[in-house]
Amino acid sequence: MTFIPMLAEISGSIHIAMAALGAGLGIGILGAKAAEATGRNPGASTPILVNAIIFAALAEGVFILAAFAVQR
């Protein structure tokens, strides 16, 4: 009978860990592709930087929402 709350806590922790892993991978890939795009077209570095910052904030926001959704 005491396993159900423990399983719920473990699944919540796994949920947060997967969200953090996804956000980290997404931001890493985003940075690599932004650097590649800037290398290919240095004249467009400002719009590339702006888009990279916006998308990184959105990816991080998903993790923050996942982390706070589990908290009570």
PDB file of N, CA and C in Angstrom:
ATOM      1  N   MET A   1       0.804  -1.195   0.000  1.00  0.00           N
ATOM      2  CA  MET A   1       0.000   0.000   0.000  1.00  0.00           C
ATOM      3  C   MET A   1       0.852   1.266   0.000  1.00  0.00           C
ATOM      4  N   THR A   2       2.043   1.195   0.523  1.00  0.00           N
ATOM      5  CA  THR A   2       2.880   2.388   0.560  1.00  0.00           C
ATOM      6  C   THR A   2       3.672   2.577  -0.727  1.00  0.00           C
ATOM      7  N   PHE A   3       3.529   1.651  -1.649  1.00  0.00           N
ATOM      8  CA  PHE A   3       4.286   1.763  -2.888  1.00  0.00           C
ATOM      9  C   PHE A   3       3.691   2.781  -3.854  1.00  0.00           C
ATOM     10  N   ILE A   4       2.399   3.033  -3.782  1.00  0.00           N
ATOM     11  CA  ILE A   4       1.756   3.940  -4.736  1.00  0.00           C
ATOM     12  C   ILE A   4       2.271   5.372  -4.587  1.00  0.00           C
ATOM     13  N   PRO A   5       2.350   5.938  -3.376  1.00  0.00           N
ATOM     14  CA  PRO A   5       2.926   7.288  -3.289  1.00  0.00           C
ATOM     15  C   PRO A   5       4.398   7.318  -3.708  1.00  0.00           C
ATOM     16  N   MET A   6       5.125   6.249  -3.413  1.00  0.00           N
ATOM     17  CA  MET A   6       6.536   6.211  -3.796  1.00  0.00           C
ATOM     18  C   MET A   6       6.669   6.148  -5.319  1.00  0.00           C
ATOM     19  N   LEU A   7       5.835   5.363  -5.985  1.00  0.00           N
ATOM     20  CA  LEU A   7       5.864   5.296  -7.443  1.00  0.00           C
ATOM     21  C   LEU A   7       5.465   6.622  -8.067  1.00  0.00           C
ATOM     22  N   ALA A   8       4.524   7.306  -7.455  1.00  0.00           N
ATOM     23  CA  ALA A   8       4.121   8.613  -7.968  1.00  0.00           C
ATOM     24  C   ALA A   8       5.271   9.605  -7.850  1.00  0.00           C
ATOM     25  N   GLU A   9       6.004   9.556  -6.763  1.00  0.00           N
ATOM     26  CA  GLU A   9       7.142  10.463  -6.578  1.00  0.00           C
ATOM     27  C   GLU A   9       8.263  10.139  -7.565  1.00  0.00           C
ATOM     28  N   ILE A  10       8.509   8.863  -7.811  1.00  0.00           N
ATOM     29  CA  ILE A  10       9.551   8.468  -8.761  1.00  0.00           C
ATOM     30  C   ILE A  10       9.166   8.882 -10.176  1.00  0.00           C
ATOM     31  N   SER A  11       7.908   8.692 -10.551  1.00  0.00           N
ATOM     32  CA  SER A  11       7.499   9.071 -11.905  1.00  0.00           C
ATOM     33  C   SER A  11       7.573  10.579 -12.084  1.00  0.00           C
ATOM     34  N   GLY A  12       7.309  11.354 -11.041  1.00  0.00           N
ATOM     35  CA  GLY A  12       7.454  12.800 -11.135  1.00  0.00           C
ATOM     36  C   GLY A  12       8.896  13.193 -11.305  1.00  0.00           C
ATOM     37  N   SER A  13       9.787  12.509 -10.612  1.00  0.00           N
ATOM     38  CA  SER A  13      11.210  12.812 -10.744  1.00  0.00           C
ATOM     39  C   SER A  13      11.721  12.443 -12.132  1.00  0.00           C
ATOM     40  N   ILE A  14      11.252  11.344 -12.670  1.00  0.00           N
ATOM     41  CA  ILE A  14      11.648  10.952 -14.021  1.00  0.00           C
ATOM     42  C   ILE A  14      11.121  11.966 -15.026  1.00  0.00           C
ATOM     43  N   HIS A  15       9.940  12.454 -14.802  1.00  0.00           N
ATOM     44  CA  HIS A  15       9.336  13.465 -15.666  1.00  0.00           C
ATOM     45  C   HIS A  15      10.209  14.720 -15.714  1.00  0.00           C
ATOM     46  N   ILE A  16      10.674  15.180 -14.576  1.00  0.00           N
ATOM     47  CA  ILE A  16      11.522  16.374 -14.523  1.00  0.00           C
ATOM     48  C   ILE A  16      12.877  16.099 -15.168  1.00  0.00           C
ATOM     49  N   ALA A  17      13.430  14.919 -14.928  1.00  0.00           N
ATOM     50  CA  ALA A  17      14.725  14.581 -15.510  1.00  0.00           C
ATOM     51  C   ALA A  17      14.655  14.527 -17.030  1.00  0.00           C
ATOM     52  N   MET A  18      13.606  13.950 -17.575  1.00  0.00           N
ATOM     53  CA  MET A  18      13.462  13.892 -19.030  1.00  0.00           C
ATOM     54  C   MET A  18      13.258  15.277 -19.623  1.00  0.00           C
ATOM     55  N   ALA A  19      12.524  16.138 -18.927  1.00  0.00           N
ATOM     56  CA  ALA A  19      12.342  17.506 -19.411  1.00  0.00           C
ATOM     57  C   ALA A  19      13.667  18.262 -19.402  1.00  0.00           C
ATOM     58  N   ALA A  20      14.470  18.068 -18.365  1.00  0.00           N
ATOM     59  CA  ALA A  20      15.775  18.734 -18.300  1.00  0.00           C
ATOM     60  C   ALA A  20      16.702  18.202 -19.389  1.00  0.00           C
ATOM     61  N   LEU A  21      16.672  16.903 -19.615  1.00  0.00           N
ATOM     62  CA  LEU A  21      17.507  16.311 -20.661  1.00  0.00           C
ATOM     63  C   LEU A  21      17.097  16.821 -22.035  1.00  0.00           C
ATOM     64  N   GLY A  22      15.808  16.877 -22.286  1.00  0.00           N
ATOM     65  CA  GLY A  22      15.323  17.379 -23.573  1.00  0.00           C
ATOM     66  C   GLY A  22      15.666  18.843 -23.790  1.00  0.00           C
ATOM     67  N   ALA A  23      15.510  19.648 -22.743  1.00  0.00           N
ATOM     68  CA  ALA A  23      15.838  21.071 -22.872  1.00  0.00           C
ATOM     69  C   ALA A  23      17.336  21.262 -23.098  1.00  0.00           C
ATOM     70  N   GLY A  24      18.155  20.507 -22.397  1.00  0.00           N
ATOM     71  CA  GLY A  24      19.601  20.620 -22.574  1.00  0.00           C
ATOM     72  C   GLY A  24      20.045  20.210 -23.967  1.00  0.00           C
ATOM     73  N   LEU A  25      19.505  19.109 -24.448  1.00  0.00           N
ATOM     74  CA  LEU A  25      19.844  18.668 -25.805  1.00  0.00           C
ATOM     75  C   LEU A  25      19.349  19.660 -26.850  1.00  0.00           C
ATOM     76  N   GLY A  26      18.146  20.172 -26.647  1.00  0.00           N
ATOM     77  CA  GLY A  26      17.590  21.129 -27.598  1.00  0.00           C
ATOM     78  C   GLY A  26      18.401  22.406 -27.665  1.00  0.00           C
ATOM     79  N   ILE A  27      18.803  22.922 -26.523  1.00  0.00           N
ATOM     80  CA  ILE A  27      19.596  24.147 -26.506  1.00  0.00           C
ATOM     81  C   ILE A  27      20.992  23.892 -27.091  1.00  0.00           C
ATOM     82  N   GLY A  28      21.553  22.718 -26.842  1.00  0.00           N
ATOM     83  CA  GLY A  28      22.853  22.390 -27.421  1.00  0.00           C
ATOM     84  C   GLY A  28      22.800  22.305 -28.931  1.00  0.00           C
ATOM     85  N   ILE A  29      21.799  21.650 -29.458  1.00  0.00           N
ATOM     86  CA  ILE A  29      21.640  21.549 -30.913  1.00  0.00           C
ATOM     87  C   ILE A  29      21.360  22.928 -31.502  1.00  0.00           C
ATOM     88  N   LEU A  30      20.549  23.702 -30.809  1.00  0.00           N
ATOM     89  CA  LEU A  30      20.241  25.058 -31.270  1.00  0.00           C
ATOM     90  C   LEU A  30      21.507  25.911 -31.367  1.00  0.00           C
ATOM     91  N   GLY A  31      22.363  25.840 -30.354  1.00  0.00           N
ATOM     92  CA  GLY A  31      23.605  26.598 -30.386  1.00  0.00           C
ATOM     93  C   GLY A  31      24.531  26.157 -31.498  1.00  0.00           C
ATOM     94  N   ALA A  32      24.608  24.862 -31.721  1.00  0.00           N
ATOM     95  CA  ALA A  32      25.467  24.350 -32.789  1.00  0.00           C
ATOM     96  C   ALA A  32      24.977  24.797 -34.159  1.00  0.00           C
ATOM     97  N   LYS A  33      23.681  24.726 -34.365  1.00  0.00           N
ATOM     98  CA  LYS A  33      23.128  25.127 -35.660  1.00  0.00           C
ATOM     99  C   LYS A  33      23.205  26.635 -35.863  1.00  0.00           C
ATOM    100  N   ALA A  34      23.064  27.408 -34.778  1.00  0.00           N
ATOM    101  CA  ALA A  34      23.199  28.862 -34.897  1.00  0.00           C
ATOM    102  C   ALA A  34      24.635  29.232 -35.251  1.00  0.00           C
ATOM    103  N   ALA A  35      25.599  28.559 -34.640  1.00  0.00           N
ATOM    104  CA  ALA A  35      27.003  28.817 -34.974  1.00  0.00           C
ATOM    105  C   ALA A  35      27.299  28.417 -36.417  1.00  0.00           C
ATOM    106  N   GLU A  36      26.718  27.316 -36.847  1.00  0.00           N
ATOM    107  CA  GLU A  36      26.907  26.881 -38.236  1.00  0.00           C
ATOM    108  C   GLU A  36      26.292  27.879 -39.211  1.00  0.00           C
ATOM    109  N   ALA A  37      25.096  28.368 -38.892  1.00  0.00           N
ATOM    110  CA  ALA A  37      24.437  29.338 -39.771  1.00  0.00           C
ATOM    111  C   ALA A  37      25.211  30.650 -39.816  1.00  0.00           C
ATOM    112  N   THR A  38      25.754  31.070 -38.679  1.00  0.00           N
ATOM    113  CA  THR A  38      26.547  32.299 -38.655  1.00  0.00           C
ATOM    114  C   THR A  38      27.836  32.117 -39.443  1.00  0.00           C
ATOM    115  N   GLY A  39      28.417  30.954 -39.401  1.00  0.00           N
ATOM    116  CA  GLY A  39      29.614  30.685 -40.185  1.00  0.00           C
ATOM    117  C   GLY A  39      29.344  30.700 -41.678  1.00  0.00           C
ATOM    118  N   ARG A  40      28.166  30.242 -42.062  1.00  0.00           N
ATOM    119  CA  ARG A  40      27.819  30.224 -43.482  1.00  0.00           C
ATOM    120  C   ARG A  40      27.454  31.613 -44.000  1.00  0.00           C
ATOM    121  N   ASN A  41      26.797  32.423 -43.145  1.00  0.00           N
ATOM    122  CA  ASN A  41      26.354  33.744 -43.569  1.00  0.00           C
ATOM    123  C   ASN A  41      26.605  34.741 -42.442  1.00  0.00           C
ATOM    124  N   PRO A  42      27.801  35.292 -42.349  1.00  0.00           N
ATOM    125  CA  PRO A  42      28.122  36.205 -41.245  1.00  0.00           C
ATOM    126  C   PRO A  42      27.300  37.484 -41.250  1.00  0.00           C
ATOM    127  N   GLY A  43      26.784  37.873 -42.382  1.00  0.00           N
ATOM    128  CA  GLY A  43      25.975  39.085 -42.467  1.00  0.00           C
ATOM    129  C   GLY A  43      24.642  38.960 -41.755  1.00  0.00           C
ATOM    130  N   ALA A  44      24.177  37.754 -41.566  1.00  0.00           N
ATOM    131  CA  ALA A  44      22.890  37.522 -40.909  1.00  0.00           C
ATOM    132  C   ALA A  44      23.059  37.116 -39.453  1.00  0.00           C
ATOM    133  N   SER A  45      24.173  37.508 -38.842  1.00  0.00           N
ATOM    134  CA  SER A  45      24.439  37.048 -37.475  1.00  0.00           C
ATOM    135  C   SER A  45      23.452  37.612 -36.458  1.00  0.00           C
ATOM    136  N   THR A  46      23.009  38.859 -36.640  1.00  0.00           N
ATOM    137  CA  THR A  46      22.073  39.441 -35.668  1.00  0.00           C
ATOM    138  C   THR A  46      20.718  38.741 -35.685  1.00  0.00           C
ATOM    139  N   PRO A  47      20.084  38.535 -36.842  1.00  0.00           N
ATOM    140  CA  PRO A  47      18.803  37.802 -36.808  1.00  0.00           C
ATOM    141  C   PRO A  47      18.947  36.362 -36.316  1.00  0.00           C
ATOM    142  N   ILE A  48      20.072  35.739 -36.630  1.00  0.00           N
ATOM    143  CA  ILE A  48      20.303  34.372 -36.156  1.00  0.00           C
ATOM    144  C   ILE A  48      20.418  34.359 -34.637  1.00  0.00           C
ATOM    145  N   LEU A  49      21.140  35.322 -34.081  1.00  0.00           N
ATOM    146  CA  LEU A  49      21.298  35.413 -32.633  1.00  0.00           C
ATOM    147  C   LEU A  49      19.964  35.663 -31.948  1.00  0.00           C
ATOM    148  N   VAL A  50      19.165  36.560 -32.502  1.00  0.00           N
ATOM    149  CA  VAL A  50      17.850  36.870 -31.914  1.00  0.00           C
ATOM    150  C   VAL A  50      16.970  35.620 -31.915  1.00  0.00           C
ATOM    151  N   ASN A  51      16.921  34.916 -33.034  1.00  0.00           N
ATOM    152  CA  ASN A  51      16.111  33.696 -33.109  1.00  0.00           C
ATOM    153  C   ASN A  51      16.632  32.625 -32.159  1.00  0.00           C
ATOM    154  N   ALA A  52      17.949  32.488 -32.049  1.00  0.00           N
ATOM    155  CA  ALA A  52      18.521  31.485 -31.152  1.00  0.00           C
ATOM    156  C   ALA A  52      18.171  31.784 -29.701  1.00  0.00           C
ATOM    157  N   ILE A  53      18.219  33.050 -29.309  1.00  0.00           N
ATOM    158  CA  ILE A  53      17.878  33.409 -27.927  1.00  0.00           C
ATOM    159  C   ILE A  53      16.405  33.149 -27.652  1.00  0.00           C
ATOM    160  N   ILE A  54      15.544  33.495 -28.592  1.00  0.00           N
ATOM    161  CA  ILE A  54      14.104  33.264 -28.403  1.00  0.00           C
ATOM    162  C   ILE A  54      13.810  31.777 -28.276  1.00  0.00           C
ATOM    163  N   PHE A  55      14.374  30.961 -29.165  1.00  0.00           N
ATOM    164  CA  PHE A  55      14.101  29.526 -29.113  1.00  0.00           C
ATOM    165  C   PHE A  55      14.721  28.858 -27.890  1.00  0.00           C
ATOM    166  N   ALA A  56      15.875  29.350 -27.441  1.00  0.00           N
ATOM    167  CA  ALA A  56      16.474  28.805 -26.221  1.00  0.00           C
ATOM    168  C   ALA A  56      15.591  29.125 -25.014  1.00  0.00           C
ATOM    169  N   ALA A  57      15.031  30.315 -24.981  1.00  0.00           N
ATOM    170  CA  ALA A  57      14.130  30.672 -23.884  1.00  0.00           C
ATOM    171  C   ALA A  57      12.875  29.815 -23.905  1.00  0.00           C
ATOM    172  N   LEU A  58      12.359  29.518 -25.082  1.00  0.00           N
ATOM    173  CA  LEU A  58      11.178  28.652 -25.179  1.00  0.00           C
ATOM    174  C   LEU A  58      11.497  27.228 -24.719  1.00  0.00           C
ATOM    175  N   ALA A  59      12.650  26.713 -25.093  1.00  0.00           N
ATOM    176  CA  ALA A  59      13.032  25.362 -24.664  1.00  0.00           C
ATOM    177  C   ALA A  59      13.224  25.311 -23.153  1.00  0.00           C
ATOM    178  N   GLU A  60      13.828  26.354 -22.592  1.00  0.00           N
ATOM    179  CA  GLU A  60      14.021  26.399 -21.144  1.00  0.00           C
ATOM    180  C   GLU A  60      12.685  26.569 -20.422  1.00  0.00           C
ATOM    181  N   GLY A  61      11.773  27.289 -21.051  1.00  0.00           N
ATOM    182  CA  GLY A  61      10.440  27.470 -20.464  1.00  0.00           C
ATOM    183  C   GLY A  61       9.682  26.163 -20.348  1.00  0.00           C
ATOM    184  N   VAL A  62       9.858  25.281 -21.308  1.00  0.00           N
ATOM    185  CA  VAL A  62       9.206  23.973 -21.231  1.00  0.00           C
ATOM    186  C   VAL A  62       9.700  23.203 -20.013  1.00  0.00           C
ATOM    187  N   PHE A  63      11.014  23.274 -19.765  1.00  0.00           N
ATOM    188  CA  PHE A  63      11.555  22.597 -18.589  1.00  0.00           C
ATOM    189  C   PHE A  63      11.023  23.213 -17.295  1.00  0.00           C
ATOM    190  N   ILE A  64      10.966  24.520 -17.230  1.00  0.00           N
ATOM    191  CA  ILE A  64      10.474  25.179 -16.017  1.00  0.00           C
ATOM    192  C   ILE A  64       9.015  24.823 -15.768  1.00  0.00           C
ATOM    193  N   LEU A  65       8.212  24.786 -16.817  1.00  0.00           N
ATOM    194  CA  LEU A  65       6.811  24.381 -16.652  1.00  0.00           C
ATOM    195  C   LEU A  65       6.712  22.933 -16.179  1.00  0.00           C
ATOM    196  N   ALA A  66       7.552  22.071 -16.709  1.00  0.00           N
ATOM    197  CA  ALA A  66       7.523  20.668 -16.286  1.00  0.00           C
ATOM    198  C   ALA A  66       7.958  20.525 -14.834  1.00  0.00           C
ATOM    199  N   ALA A  67       8.927  21.317 -14.429  1.00  0.00           N
ATOM    200  CA  ALA A  67       9.420  21.221 -13.052  1.00  0.00           C
ATOM    201  C   ALA A  67       8.370  21.719 -12.064  1.00  0.00           C
ATOM    202  N   PHE A  68       7.669  22.778 -12.389  1.00  0.00           N
ATOM    203  CA  PHE A  68       6.679  23.325 -11.472  1.00  0.00           C
ATOM    204  C   PHE A  68       5.332  22.621 -11.550  1.00  0.00           C
ATOM    205  N   ALA A  69       5.075  21.901 -12.623  1.00  0.00           N
ATOM    206  CA  ALA A  69       3.801  21.184 -12.739  1.00  0.00           C
ATOM    207  C   ALA A  69       3.740  20.022 -11.752  1.00  0.00           C
ATOM    208  N   VAL A  70       4.886  19.462 -11.412  1.00  0.00           N
ATOM    209  CA  VAL A  70       4.924  18.312 -10.501  1.00  0.00           C
ATOM    210  C   VAL A  70       4.820  18.762  -9.052  1.00  0.00           C
ATOM    211  N   GLN A  71       5.332  19.962  -8.745  1.00  0.00           N
ATOM    212  CA  GLN A  71       5.320  20.457  -7.368  1.00  0.00           C
ATOM    213  C   GLN A  71       3.886  20.711  -6.912  1.00  0.00           C
ATOM    214  N   ARG A  72       3.670  20.517  -5.629  1.00  0.00           N
ATOM    215  CA  ARG A  72       2.324  20.744  -5.082  1.00  0.00           C
ATOM    216  C   ARG A  72       2.326  21.900  -4.158  1.00  0.00           C
TER     217      ARG A  72
END
